C-alpha atoms as a PDB file:
ATOM      1  CA  MET A   1     -21.411   6.071  -0.187  1.00  0.00           C
ATOM      2  CA  GLY A   2     -23.177   4.291  -3.113  1.00  0.00           C
ATOM      3  CA  ARG A   3     -23.301   3.533  -6.897  1.00  0.00           C
ATOM      4  CA  LEU A   4     -23.193   6.038  -9.745  1.00  0.00           C
ATOM      5  CA  LEU A   5     -22.902   5.829 -13.548  1.00  0.00           C
ATOM      6  CA  LEU A   6     -20.027   7.510 -15.155  1.00  0.00           C
ATOM      7  CA  GLN A   7     -21.234   8.932 -18.450  1.00  0.00           C
ATOM      8  CA  ARG A   8     -18.162  11.024 -19.520  1.00  0.00           C
ATOM      9  CA  ARG A   9     -14.336  10.272 -19.691  1.00  0.00           C
ATOM     10  CA  GLU A  10     -13.288  12.624 -16.632  1.00  0.00           C
ATOM     11  CA  TRP A  11     -10.364  12.177 -14.476  1.00  0.00           C
ATOM     12  CA  LEU A  12     -11.314  10.558 -11.307  1.00  0.00           C
ATOM     13  CA  ALA A  13      -9.121  11.772  -8.358  1.00  0.00           C
ATOM     14  CA  LEU A  14      -7.777   9.125  -6.181  1.00  0.00           C
ATOM     15  CA  ALA A  15      -5.683   9.078  -3.013  1.00  0.00           C
ATOM     16  CA  ALA A  16      -1.861   8.811  -2.882  1.00  0.00           C
ATOM     17  CA  GLY A  17      -0.304   9.440  -6.331  1.00  0.00           C
ATOM     18  CA  LEU A  18      -2.681   8.279  -8.913  1.00  0.00           C
ATOM     19  CA  TRP A  19      -5.686   9.477 -11.010  1.00  0.00           C
ATOM     20  CA  LEU A  20      -7.892   7.361 -13.123  1.00  0.00           C
ATOM     21  CA  LEU A  21      -9.639   8.138 -16.415  1.00  0.00           C
ATOM     22  CA  PRO A  22     -12.621   5.834 -16.651  1.00  0.00           C
ATOM     23  CA  PRO A  23     -14.112   4.637 -19.863  1.00  0.00           C
ATOM     24  CA  ALA A  24     -17.219   6.359 -21.064  1.00  0.00           C
ATOM     25  CA  GLN A  25     -19.673   3.876 -19.583  1.00  0.00           C
ATOM     26  CA  ALA A  26     -18.810   2.408 -16.227  1.00  0.00           C
ATOM     27  CA  ARG A  27     -20.501   1.817 -12.856  1.00  0.00           C
ATOM     28  CA  HIS A  28     -18.579   3.393 -10.104  1.00  0.00           C
ATOM     29  CA  GLU A  29     -18.970   2.593  -6.384  1.00  0.00           C
ATOM     30  CA  ARG A  30     -17.214   4.348  -3.523  1.00  0.00           C
ATOM     31  CA  ARG A  31     -16.859   3.544   0.063  1.00  0.00           C
ATOM     32  CA  ALA A  32     -14.465   4.316   2.928  1.00  0.00           C
ATOM     33  CA  LEU A  33     -11.976   1.576   3.846  1.00  0.00           C
ATOM     34  CA  PHE A  34      -8.412   1.422   5.024  1.00  0.00           C
ATOM     35  CA  GLY A  35      -8.552   5.009   6.137  1.00  0.00           C
ATOM     36  CA  SER A  36      -9.236   6.432   2.628  1.00  0.00           C
ATOM     37  CA  PRO A  37     -11.748   6.304  -0.220  1.00  0.00           C
ATOM     38  CA  ALA A  38     -12.081   3.063  -2.148  1.00  0.00           C
ATOM     39  CA  ASP A  39     -13.395   2.758  -5.710  1.00  0.00           C
ATOM     40  CA  LEU A  40     -14.818   0.008  -7.650  1.00  0.00           C
ATOM     41  CA  LEU A  41     -15.397   0.353 -11.352  1.00  0.00           C
ATOM     42  CA  LEU A  42     -17.275  -2.223 -13.308  1.00  0.00           C
ATOM     43  CA  PRO A  43     -19.045  -2.473 -16.494  1.00  0.00           C
ATOM     44  CA  VAL A  44     -22.646  -1.153 -16.368  1.00  0.00           C
ATOM     45  CA  ALA A  45     -24.178  -4.708 -16.766  1.00  0.00           C
ATOM     46  CA  ALA A  46     -22.064  -6.129 -13.983  1.00  0.00           C
ATOM     47  CA  PRO A  47     -24.085  -7.952 -11.401  1.00  0.00           C
ATOM     48  CA  ALA A  48     -24.445  -6.242  -8.033  1.00  0.00           C
ATOM     49  CA  ALA A  49     -24.163  -9.117  -6.129  1.00  0.00           C
ATOM     50  CA  ALA A  50     -20.483  -9.716  -6.954  1.00  0.00           C
ATOM     51  CA  ALA A  51     -19.664  -6.204  -5.986  1.00  0.00           C
ATOM     52  CA  ASP A  52     -21.436  -6.473  -2.736  1.00  0.00           C
ATOM     53  CA  GLU A  53     -19.518  -9.560  -1.813  1.00  0.00           C
ATOM     54  CA  VAL A  54     -16.230  -7.740  -2.488  1.00  0.00           C
ATOM     55  CA  TRP A  55     -17.312  -4.818  -0.376  1.00  0.00           C
ATOM     56  CA  ARG A  56     -18.206  -7.212   2.495  1.00  0.00           C
ATOM     57  CA  GLY A  57     -14.730  -8.946   2.385  1.00  0.00           C
ATOM     58  CA  LEU A  58     -12.821  -5.797   2.165  1.00  0.00           C
ATOM     59  CA  ALA A  59     -14.684  -4.372   4.999  1.00  0.00           C
ATOM     60  CA  ALA A  60     -13.852  -7.380   7.167  1.00  0.00           C
ATOM     61  CA  MET A  61     -10.180  -7.198   6.166  1.00  0.00           C
ATOM     62  CA  ASN A  62     -10.244  -3.569   7.117  1.00  0.00           C
ATOM     63  CA  GLN A  63     -11.632  -4.358  10.530  1.00  0.00           C
ATOM     64  CA  ARG A  64      -9.355  -7.436  11.247  1.00  0.00           C
ATOM     65  CA  TRP A  65      -6.013  -6.108  10.000  1.00  0.00           C
ATOM     66  CA  ASN A  66      -6.086  -2.618  11.745  1.00  0.00           C
ATOM     67  CA  ALA A  67      -3.263  -2.531  14.115  1.00  0.00           C
ATOM     68  CA  TRP A  68      -4.597   0.467  16.033  1.00  0.00           C
ATOM     69  CA  LYS A  69      -8.179  -0.310  16.821  1.00  0.00           C
ATOM     70  CA  PRO A  70      -9.446  -3.312  19.004  1.00  0.00           C
ATOM     71  CA  GLY A  71      -9.182  -6.495  17.005  1.00  0.00           C
ATOM     72  CA  GLU A  72      -7.033  -9.487  16.341  1.00  0.00           C
ATOM     73  CA  VAL A  73      -3.911  -7.530  15.370  1.00  0.00           C
ATOM     74  CA  SER A  74      -4.013  -5.336  18.318  1.00  0.00           C
ATOM     75  CA  THR A  75      -4.655  -8.273  20.570  1.00  0.00           C
ATOM     76  CA  VAL A  76      -1.596 -10.014  18.906  1.00  0.00           C
ATOM     77  CA  ASN A  77       0.544  -6.939  19.585  1.00  0.00           C
ATOM     78  CA  ALA A  78      -0.293  -6.824  23.140  1.00  0.00           C
ATOM     79  CA  ALA A  79       0.750 -10.513  23.536  1.00  0.00           C
ATOM     80  CA  PHE A  80       4.001  -9.839  21.810  1.00  0.00           C
ATOM     81  CA  ALA A  81       4.707  -6.924  24.137  1.00  0.00           C
ATOM     82  CA  ALA A  82       4.079  -9.113  27.205  1.00  0.00           C
ATOM     83  CA  GLY A  83       6.172 -12.056  25.890  1.00  0.00           C
ATOM     84  CA  ARG A  84       3.226 -14.280  25.614  1.00  0.00           C
ATOM     85  CA  ALA A  85       2.211 -16.658  22.822  1.00  0.00           C
ATOM     86  CA  THR A  86      -1.137 -16.051  21.238  1.00  0.00           C
ATOM     87  CA  ARG A  87      -3.310 -18.064  18.818  1.00  0.00           C
ATOM     88  CA  VAL A  88      -4.174 -16.345  15.469  1.00  0.00           C
ATOM     89  CA  SER A  89      -6.686 -16.913  12.670  1.00  0.00           C
ATOM     90  CA  PRO A  90      -5.459 -18.808   9.667  1.00  0.00           C
ATOM     91  CA  SER A  91      -6.013 -15.646   7.403  1.00  0.00           C
ATOM     92  CA  LEU A  92      -3.718 -13.551   9.860  1.00  0.00           C
ATOM     93  CA  ARG A  93      -1.006 -16.268   9.673  1.00  0.00           C
ATOM     94  CA  THR A  94      -1.129 -16.154   5.973  1.00  0.00           C
ATOM     95  CA  LEU A  95      -0.972 -12.325   6.160  1.00  0.00           C
ATOM     96  CA  ILE A  96       2.081 -12.392   8.519  1.00  0.00           C
ATOM     97  CA  GLU A  97       3.836 -14.924   6.466  1.00  0.00           C
ATOM     98  CA  GLY A  98       3.379 -12.975   3.203  1.00  0.00           C
ATOM     99  CA  ALA A  99       4.682  -9.907   4.962  1.00  0.00           C
ATOM    100  CA  ALA A 100       7.741 -11.952   6.192  1.00  0.00           C
ATOM    101  CA  ALA A 101       8.510 -13.022   2.634  1.00  0.00           C
ATOM    102  CA  MET A 102       8.395  -9.376   1.521  1.00  0.00           C
ATOM    103  CA  GLU A 103      10.821  -8.333   4.315  1.00  0.00           C
ATOM    104  CA  ARG A 104      13.229 -11.076   3.249  1.00  0.00           C
ATOM    105  CA  LEU A 105      12.688 -10.123  -0.533  1.00  0.00           C
ATOM    106  CA  SER A 106      13.248  -6.422   0.138  1.00  0.00           C
ATOM    107  CA  LEU A 107      16.383  -7.011   2.333  1.00  0.00           C
ATOM    108  CA  GLY A 108      14.523  -5.322   5.212  1.00  0.00           C
ATOM    109  CA  HIS A 109      13.535  -2.170   3.569  1.00  0.00           C
ATOM    110  CA  PHE A 110      10.025  -3.278   4.046  1.00  0.00           C
ATOM    111  CA  ASN A 111       9.137  -4.503   7.473  1.00  0.00           C
ATOM    112  CA  ALA A 112       5.722  -5.102   8.882  1.00  0.00           C
ATOM    113  CA  GLY A 113       6.988  -5.484  12.299  1.00  0.00           C
ATOM    114  CA  ILE A 114       7.794  -1.712  13.041  1.00  0.00           C
ATOM    115  CA  GLY A 115       4.359  -0.790  14.517  1.00  0.00           C
ATOM    116  CA  GLY A 116       6.184   0.320  17.587  1.00  0.00           C
ATOM    117  CA  LEU A 117       8.185   2.732  15.661  1.00  0.00           C
ATOM    118  CA  VAL A 118       5.068   4.025  13.880  1.00  0.00           C
ATOM    119  CA  GLY A 119       3.467   4.747  17.236  1.00  0.00           C
ATOM    120  CA  GLN A 120       6.448   6.599  18.532  1.00  0.00           C
ATOM    121  CA  TRP A 121       6.388   8.846  15.550  1.00  0.00           C
ATOM    122  CA  GLY A 122       2.647   9.351  15.940  1.00  0.00           C
ATOM    123  CA  PHE A 123       1.799   8.217  12.301  1.00  0.00           C
ATOM    124  CA  HIS A 124      -0.932   5.874  13.577  1.00  0.00           C
ATOM    125  CA  ASP A 125      -3.335   8.553  14.055  1.00  0.00           C
ATOM    126  CA  ASP A 126      -6.038   9.179  11.471  1.00  0.00           C
ATOM    127  CA  VAL A 127      -5.281  12.951  11.930  1.00  0.00           C
ATOM    128  CA  MET A 128      -1.766  14.142  11.457  1.00  0.00           C
ATOM    129  CA  ARG A 129      -1.396  16.773  14.309  1.00  0.00           C
ATOM    130  CA  PRO A 130       1.744  18.815  14.806  1.00  0.00           C
ATOM    131  CA  GLY A 131       4.004  17.503  17.667  1.00  0.00           C
ATOM    132  CA  GLN A 132       7.664  16.943  18.424  1.00  0.00           C
ATOM    133  CA  ARG A 133      10.041  14.208  17.198  1.00  0.00           C
ATOM    134  CA  PRO A 134      10.739  11.381  19.446  1.00  0.00           C
ATOM    135  CA  ALA A 135      13.798  11.879  21.398  1.00  0.00           C
ATOM    136  CA  ALA A 136      17.045   9.908  20.439  1.00  0.00           C
ATOM    137  CA  ALA A 137      16.826   8.020  23.554  1.00  0.00           C
ATOM    138  CA  GLU A 138      13.389   6.809  22.598  1.00  0.00           C
ATOM    139  CA  ILE A 139      14.618   5.474  19.321  1.00  0.00           C
ATOM    140  CA  ALA A 140      17.852   4.012  20.515  1.00  0.00           C
ATOM    141  CA  PRO A 141      16.551   0.964  22.339  1.00  0.00           C
ATOM    142  CA  TRP A 142      14.455   0.186  19.294  1.00  0.00           C
ATOM    143  CA  LEU A 143      17.644   0.145  17.056  1.00  0.00           C
ATOM    144  CA  ALA A 144      19.543  -1.746  19.526  1.00  0.00           C
ATOM    145  CA  THR A 145      17.110  -4.693  19.069  1.00  0.00           C
ATOM    146  CA  PRO A 146      15.392  -3.948  15.855  1.00  0.00           C
ATOM    147  CA  PRO A 147      12.250  -5.974  15.164  1.00  0.00           C
ATOM    148  CA  SER A 148      11.849  -8.435  12.390  1.00  0.00           C
ATOM    149  CA  LEU A 149       9.249 -10.933  11.429  1.00  0.00           C
ATOM    150  CA  ALA A 150      12.052 -13.609  11.392  1.00  0.00           C
ATOM    151  CA  GLN A 151      11.798 -13.246  15.331  1.00  0.00           C
ATOM    152  CA  LEU A 152       8.492 -14.849  15.247  1.00  0.00           C
ATOM    153  CA  GLU A 153       8.110 -18.569  16.572  1.00  0.00           C
ATOM    154  CA  TRP A 154       5.198 -20.529  15.420  1.00  0.00           C
ATOM    155  CA  GLN A 155       3.508 -23.626  16.623  1.00  0.00           C
ATOM    156  CA  GLY A 156       0.518 -24.205  14.451  1.00  0.00           C
ATOM    157  CA  LEU A 157      -1.665 -21.086  14.686  1.00  0.00           C
ATOM    158  CA  ALA A 158       0.138 -20.172  18.077  1.00  0.00           C
ATOM    159  CA  VAL A 159       2.727 -17.472  17.641  1.00  0.00           C
ATOM    160  CA  ARG A 160       5.162 -15.554  19.914  1.00  0.00           C
ATOM    161  CA  SER A 161       7.795 -12.991  19.325  1.00  0.00           C
ATOM    162  CA  ARG A 162      11.323 -13.483  20.754  1.00  0.00           C
ATOM    163  CA  ASN A 163      11.458  -9.538  20.537  1.00  0.00           C
ATOM    164  CA  PRO A 164       8.842  -7.816  22.740  1.00  0.00           C
ATOM    165  CA  ARG A 165       9.474  -4.580  20.537  1.00  0.00           C
ATOM    166  CA  LEU A 166       7.921  -6.199  17.430  1.00  0.00           C
ATOM    167  CA  GLN A 167       4.462  -4.780  16.754  1.00  0.00           C
ATOM    168  CA  LEU A 168       2.583  -5.606  13.558  1.00  0.00           C
ATOM    169  CA  ASP A 169       1.515  -2.868  11.256  1.00  0.00           C
ATOM    170  CA  PHE A 170       0.634  -3.884   7.734  1.00  0.00           C
ATOM    171  CA  GLY A 171       0.760  -0.638   6.053  1.00  0.00           C
ATOM    172  CA  GLY A 172       2.401  -0.949   2.745  1.00  0.00           C
ATOM    173  CA  TYR A 173       1.200  -4.488   2.270  1.00  0.00           C
ATOM    174  CA  ALA A 174      -2.573  -5.152   3.387  1.00  0.00           C
ATOM    175  CA  LYS A 175      -4.002  -3.068   0.729  1.00  0.00           C
ATOM    176  CA  GLY A 176      -2.040  -4.866  -1.864  1.00  0.00           C
ATOM    177  CA  VAL A 177      -3.188  -8.295  -0.555  1.00  0.00           C
ATOM    178  CA  ALA A 178      -6.796  -7.139  -0.345  1.00  0.00           C
ATOM    179  CA  LEU A 179      -6.666  -5.992  -4.044  1.00  0.00           C
ATOM    180  CA  ASP A 180      -5.528  -9.356  -5.114  1.00  0.00           C
ATOM    181  CA  TRP A 181      -8.246 -11.008  -3.222  1.00  0.00           C
ATOM    182  CA  ALA A 182     -10.857  -8.740  -4.616  1.00  0.00           C
ATOM    183  CA  LEU A 183      -9.836  -9.240  -8.238  1.00  0.00           C
ATOM    184  CA  ASP A 184      -9.747 -13.132  -7.605  1.00  0.00           C
ATOM    185  CA  ARG A 185     -13.320 -13.047  -6.203  1.00  0.00           C
ATOM    186  CA  LEU A 186     -14.433 -11.055  -9.204  1.00  0.00           C
ATOM    187  CA  GLN A 187     -12.918 -13.519 -11.583  1.00  0.00           C
ATOM    188  CA  ARG A 188     -14.459 -16.533  -9.828  1.00  0.00           C
ATOM    189  CA  ALA A 189     -17.763 -14.603 -10.249  1.00  0.00           C
ATOM    190  CA  GLY A 190     -17.193 -14.572 -13.902  1.00  0.00           C
ATOM    191  CA  MET A 191     -16.147 -11.043 -14.326  1.00  0.00           C
ATOM    192  CA  GLN A 192     -13.388 -10.069 -16.660  1.00  0.00           C
ATOM    193  CA  ASP A 193     -13.444  -6.302 -16.382  1.00  0.00           C
ATOM    194  CA  ALA A 194     -12.889  -4.358 -13.123  1.00  0.00           C
ATOM    195  CA  LEU A 195     -10.708  -1.727 -11.500  1.00  0.00           C
ATOM    196  CA  LEU A 196     -10.581  -1.338  -7.635  1.00  0.00           C
ATOM    197  CA  ASN A 197      -8.811   1.524  -5.895  1.00  0.00           C
ATOM    198  CA  LEU A 198      -7.873   1.318  -2.235  1.00  0.00           C
ATOM    199  CA  GLY A 199      -6.254   4.570  -1.213  1.00  0.00           C
ATOM    200  CA  GLY A 200      -4.420   5.092  -4.438  1.00  0.00           C
ATOM    201  CA  ASN A 201      -3.357   1.536  -4.761  1.00  0.00           C
ATOM    202  CA  LEU A 202      -5.054   0.222  -8.037  1.00  0.00           C
ATOM    203  CA  ALA A 203      -5.646  -3.219  -9.359  1.00  0.00           C
ATOM    204  CA  ALA A 204      -7.141  -3.734 -12.754  1.00  0.00           C
ATOM    205  CA  MET A 205      -8.283  -6.349 -15.149  1.00  0.00           C
ATOM    206  CA  GLY A 206      -9.530  -5.921 -18.702  1.00  0.00           C
ATOM    207  CA  GLY A 207     -11.477  -2.722 -19.361  1.00  0.00           C
ATOM    208  CA  THR A 208     -14.804  -1.541 -20.630  1.00  0.00           C
ATOM    209  CA  ALA A 209     -16.041  -0.894 -23.993  1.00  0.00           C
ATOM    210  CA  GLY A 210     -13.046  -2.222 -25.644  1.00  0.00           C
ATOM    211  CA  ARG A 211     -10.763   0.275 -24.000  1.00  0.00           C
ATOM    212  CA  PRO A 212      -8.203  -0.456 -21.181  1.00  0.00           C
ATOM    213  CA  TRP A 213      -8.228   1.428 -18.073  1.00  0.00           C
ATOM    214  CA  ARG A 214      -5.977   4.732 -18.029  1.00  0.00           C
ATOM    215  CA  VAL A 215      -4.273   5.675 -14.955  1.00  0.00           C
ATOM    216  CA  GLY A 216      -2.493   8.977 -14.528  1.00  0.00           C
ATOM    217  CA  VAL A 217       0.494   9.488 -12.141  1.00  0.00           C
ATOM    218  CA  ARG A 218       0.193  12.582 -10.116  1.00  0.00           C
ATOM    219  CA  ASP A 219       2.939  15.157  -9.971  1.00  0.00           C
ATOM    220  CA  PRO A 220       4.131  15.212  -6.289  1.00  0.00           C
ATOM    221  CA  HIS A 221       5.251  18.748  -6.750  1.00  0.00           C
ATOM    222  CA  GLY A 222       2.089  20.195  -8.107  1.00  0.00           C
ATOM    223  CA  PRO A 223      -1.578  19.712  -8.941  1.00  0.00           C
ATOM    224  CA  GLY A 224      -1.310  17.997 -12.484  1.00  0.00           C
ATOM    225  CA  LEU A 225      -0.016  14.623 -13.824  1.00  0.00           C
ATOM    226  CA  VAL A 226       3.478  13.579 -14.876  1.00  0.00           C
ATOM    227  CA  ALA A 227       2.445  10.525 -16.965  1.00  0.00           C
ATOM    228  CA  THR A 228      -0.370   8.472 -18.104  1.00  0.00           C
ATOM    229  CA  LEU A 229      -0.484   4.600 -18.226  1.00  0.00           C
ATOM    230  CA  ASP A 230      -2.877   2.160 -19.871  1.00  0.00           C
ATOM    231  CA  THR A 231      -3.265  -1.021 -17.848  1.00  0.00           C
ATOM    232  CA  ARG A 232      -2.686  -4.377 -19.536  1.00  0.00           C
ATOM    233  CA  GLY A 233      -4.516  -7.358 -18.742  1.00  0.00           C
ATOM    234  CA  ARG A 234      -4.611  -7.996 -14.854  1.00  0.00           C
ATOM    235  CA  GLU A 235      -2.006  -5.883 -13.082  1.00  0.00           C
ATOM    236  CA  ALA A 236      -1.539  -3.463 -10.197  1.00  0.00           C
ATOM    237  CA  VAL A 237      -0.387   0.138 -10.209  1.00  0.00           C
ATOM    238  CA  VAL A 238       0.737   1.371  -6.790  1.00  0.00           C
ATOM    239  CA  THR A 239       2.355   4.526  -5.725  1.00  0.00           C
ATOM    240  CA  SER A 240       4.161   4.991  -2.340  1.00  0.00           C
ATOM    241  CA  GLY A 241       4.507   8.921  -1.803  1.00  0.00           C
ATOM    242  CA  SER A 242       6.390  10.777   1.047  1.00  0.00           C
ATOM    243  CA  TYR A 243       4.138  13.894   0.248  1.00  0.00           C
ATOM    244  CA  GLU A 244       0.695  12.363   0.877  1.00  0.00           C
ATOM    245  CA  ARG A 245       0.643  11.679   4.508  1.00  0.00           C
ATOM    246  CA  TRP A 246       2.916  13.651   6.830  1.00  0.00           C
ATOM    247  CA  ARG A 247       3.248  15.428  10.232  1.00  0.00           C
ATOM    248  CA  LEU A 248       4.946  18.691  11.120  1.00  0.00           C
ATOM    249  CA  LEU A 249       7.390  17.730  13.951  1.00  0.00           C
ATOM    250  CA  ASP A 250       9.425  20.535  15.509  1.00  0.00           C
ATOM    251  CA  GLY A 251       8.504  22.714  12.653  1.00  0.00           C
ATOM    252  CA  GLU A 252       9.650  20.220  10.000  1.00  0.00           C
ATOM    253  CA  ARG A 253       7.529  18.104   7.691  1.00  0.00           C
ATOM    254  CA  CYS A 254       8.123  14.462   8.326  1.00  0.00           C
ATOM    255  CA  THR A 255       6.963  11.858   5.984  1.00  0.00           C
ATOM    256  CA  HIS A 256       4.937   8.767   7.421  1.00  0.00           C
ATOM    257  CA  ILE A 257       6.988   6.395   5.546  1.00  0.00           C
ATOM    258  CA  LEU A 258       9.798   5.142   7.935  1.00  0.00           C
ATOM    259  CA  ASP A 259      13.257   3.546   7.444  1.00  0.00           C
ATOM    260  CA  PRO A 260      13.197   0.497   9.490  1.00  0.00           C
ATOM    261  CA  ARG A 261      16.996   0.515   9.521  1.00  0.00           C
ATOM    262  CA  LEU A 262      17.329   4.136  10.898  1.00  0.00           C
ATOM    263  CA  GLY A 263      14.291   4.564  12.885  1.00  0.00           C
ATOM    264  CA  ARG A 264      13.264   7.705  11.116  1.00  0.00           C
ATOM    265  CA  PRO A 265      11.466   8.933   8.096  1.00  0.00           C
ATOM    266  CA  ALA A 266      12.802   8.332   4.624  1.00  0.00           C
ATOM    267  CA  PRO A 267      13.060  11.599   2.958  1.00  0.00           C
ATOM    268  CA  ALA A 268      15.200  11.246  -0.256  1.00  0.00           C
ATOM    269  CA  LEU A 269      12.392  10.084  -2.771  1.00  0.00           C
ATOM    270  CA  VAL A 270       8.960  11.739  -2.960  1.00  0.00           C
ATOM    271  CA  SER A 271       7.185   8.986  -4.883  1.00  0.00           C
ATOM    272  CA  VAL A 272       7.683   5.615  -6.273  1.00  0.00           C
ATOM    273  CA  THR A 273       5.220   4.022  -8.587  1.00  0.00           C
ATOM    274  CA  VAL A 274       5.334   0.209  -9.273  1.00  0.00           C
ATOM    275  CA  VAL A 275       3.418  -1.697 -11.870  1.00  0.00           C
ATOM    276  CA  HIS A 276       3.228  -5.516 -11.491  1.00  0.00           C
ATOM    277  CA  PRO A 277       0.618  -8.344 -11.819  1.00  0.00           C
ATOM    278  CA  SER A 278       0.845  -8.909  -7.981  1.00  0.00           C
ATOM    279  CA  ALA A 279      -0.624  -5.984  -6.073  1.00  0.00           C
ATOM    280  CA  ALA A 280       0.776  -7.329  -2.843  1.00  0.00           C
ATOM    281  CA  LEU A 281       4.258  -7.270  -4.304  1.00  0.00           C
ATOM    282  CA  ALA A 282       3.780  -3.926  -5.901  1.00  0.00           C
ATOM    283  CA  ASP A 283       2.553  -2.513  -2.610  1.00  0.00           C
ATOM    284  CA  ALA A 284       5.447  -3.631  -0.653  1.00  0.00           C
ATOM    285  CA  ALA A 285       7.943  -2.995  -3.259  1.00  0.00           C
ATOM    286  CA  ALA A 286       6.893   0.690  -3.768  1.00  0.00           C
ATOM    287  CA  THR A 287       7.555   1.188   0.032  1.00  0.00           C
ATOM    288  CA  ALA A 288      10.793  -0.751   0.052  1.00  0.00           C
ATOM    289  CA  LEU A 289      12.133   1.226  -3.070  1.00  0.00           C
ATOM    290  CA  LEU A 290      11.137   4.669  -1.431  1.00  0.00           C
ATOM    291  CA  VAL A 291      13.010   3.713   1.644  1.00  0.00           C
ATOM    292  CA  ALA A 292      15.824   2.501  -0.364  1.00  0.00           C
ATOM    293  CA  GLY A 293      16.493   5.882  -1.743  1.00  0.00           C
ATOM    294  CA  PRO A 294      18.088   7.083  -5.032  1.00  0.00           C
ATOM    295  CA  LEU A 295      21.152   5.266  -4.936  1.00  0.00           C
ATOM    296  CA  ILE A 296      20.037   1.597  -4.622  1.00  0.00           C
ATOM    297  CA  TRP A 297      16.403   1.712  -5.654  1.00  0.00           C
ATOM    298  CA  ARG A 298      17.216   0.085  -9.074  1.00  0.00           C
ATOM    299  CA  THR A 299      19.318  -2.702  -7.556  1.00  0.00           C
ATOM    300  CA  LEU A 300      16.633  -3.372  -5.022  1.00  0.00           C
ATOM    301  CA  ALA A 301      13.962  -3.369  -7.707  1.00  0.00           C
ATOM    302  CA  ARG A 302      15.771  -6.175  -9.500  1.00  0.00           C
ATOM    303  CA  GLU A 303      16.153  -8.138  -6.222  1.00  0.00           C
ATOM    304  CA  MET A 304      12.447  -7.975  -5.769  1.00  0.00           C
ATOM    305  CA  GLY A 305      11.605  -8.965  -9.212  1.00  0.00           C
ATOM    306  CA  VAL A 306       9.840  -5.675 -10.156  1.00  0.00           C
ATOM    307  CA  ASP A 307      10.874  -4.272 -13.697  1.00  0.00           C
ATOM    308  CA  ALA A 308       8.281  -1.429 -14.122  1.00  0.00           C
ATOM    309  CA  VAL A 309       9.095   1.437 -11.712  1.00  0.00           C
ATOM    310  CA  PHE A 310       8.785   5.211 -12.025  1.00  0.00           C
ATOM    311  CA  VAL A 311      10.507   7.448  -9.435  1.00  0.00           C
ATOM    312  CA  VAL A 312      10.452  11.216  -8.513  1.00  0.00           C
ATOM    313  CA  ASP A 313      12.892  12.685  -6.160  1.00  0.00           C
ATOM    314  CA  GLN A 314      12.894  15.794  -3.978  1.00  0.00           C
ATOM    315  CA  ALA A 315      14.094  17.891  -6.803  1.00  0.00           C
ATOM    316  CA  GLY A 316      11.620  16.829  -9.085  1.00  0.00           C
ATOM    317  CA  ARG A 317      13.843  14.540 -11.083  1.00  0.00           C
ATOM    318  CA  GLN A 318      12.133  11.586 -12.784  1.00  0.00           C
ATOM    319  CA  SER A 319      13.607   8.133 -13.375  1.00  0.00           C
ATOM    320  CA  VAL A 320      11.910   5.153 -15.077  1.00  0.00           C
ATOM    321  CA  THR A 321      12.810   1.668 -15.744  1.00  0.00           C
ATOM    322  CA  THR A 322      13.232   0.655 -19.393  1.00  0.00           C
ATOM    323  CA  ALA A 323      10.389  -1.826 -19.032  1.00  0.00           C
ATOM    324  CA  LEU A 324       7.948   0.978 -18.046  1.00  0.00           C
ATOM    325  CA  GLU A 325       9.335   3.733 -20.117  1.00  0.00           C
ATOM    326  CA  ALA A 326       7.685   2.601 -23.483  1.00  0.00           C
ATOM    327  CA  ARG A 327       4.318   2.353 -21.721  1.00  0.00           C
ATOM    328  CA  LEU A 328       4.316   5.812 -20.370  1.00  0.00           C
ATOM    329  CA  ASN A 329       2.352   8.471 -22.051  1.00  0.00           C
ATOM    330  CA  PRO A 330       2.524  12.296 -21.777  1.00  0.00           C
ATOM    331  CA  PRO A 331      -0.162  13.681 -19.273  1.00  0.00           C
ATOM    332  CA  ILE A 332      -3.364  14.796 -21.067  1.00  0.00           C
END
């Protein structure tokens, strides 16, 4: 995948719940990262070297942080399962500590230690094949001693888990961290205008040709949009959707987003969109609020310090926080 020049303002389909209306003149680069398309939009005159550095860094993160392919995270998970301590890189320790902070902030609704549960439900595969639900007897031991990143013990860069069921999986967080890193790198290279999409998670700064980036929020119940939004300054727009990635298990459609407290898919909400300056926080919050469900997502949003949230439930009902409501425009 390479570079192309966008000449017209046409909606660009992204993964998950977002679309993008690029400015009239922008350079568009697309790669495959984190299991889905990745898009970088820059002003036409932007130096290629800055973009190339970002792509290299993102590719390295994609390789290092994948829990389901040979690499550092899978090695760490094997050590945890065996009850052994293992040494990690400084960057992985930073990622783990950030995920642990998000677990605390979300009151456990986001949990990067549930990789074993993800594997039991078969949501780790690139292809979501039909199958059977895990038996209650398979989930019961996991619920009896639920993993938490608070169970990790550190000595410098050496870490062990007190719970052998703890398995790292950074879905719902790693892409947000990567987005923040990428915009930081572009800013240090002197860039003021950029937009990066990683699987439907967006982070933007500035705009091009004097216009902001316009993002469309997908209708999870149909082919169109439910709203559009112009980004402001530097901020992320992240959607967590139960409709995008799922498996047919025992004839029932099951979302890949799991409730760490119950050990099963979180079905009540269909999509949660969070807008926040921190892509990492927006990523974790979107997942946590979807897991929290219709009764407590607003309370948890306040707890996590996110005030711009848009929610769609199974019946198609839409809810939006006051801070975001004034910024939403009708779909065009």
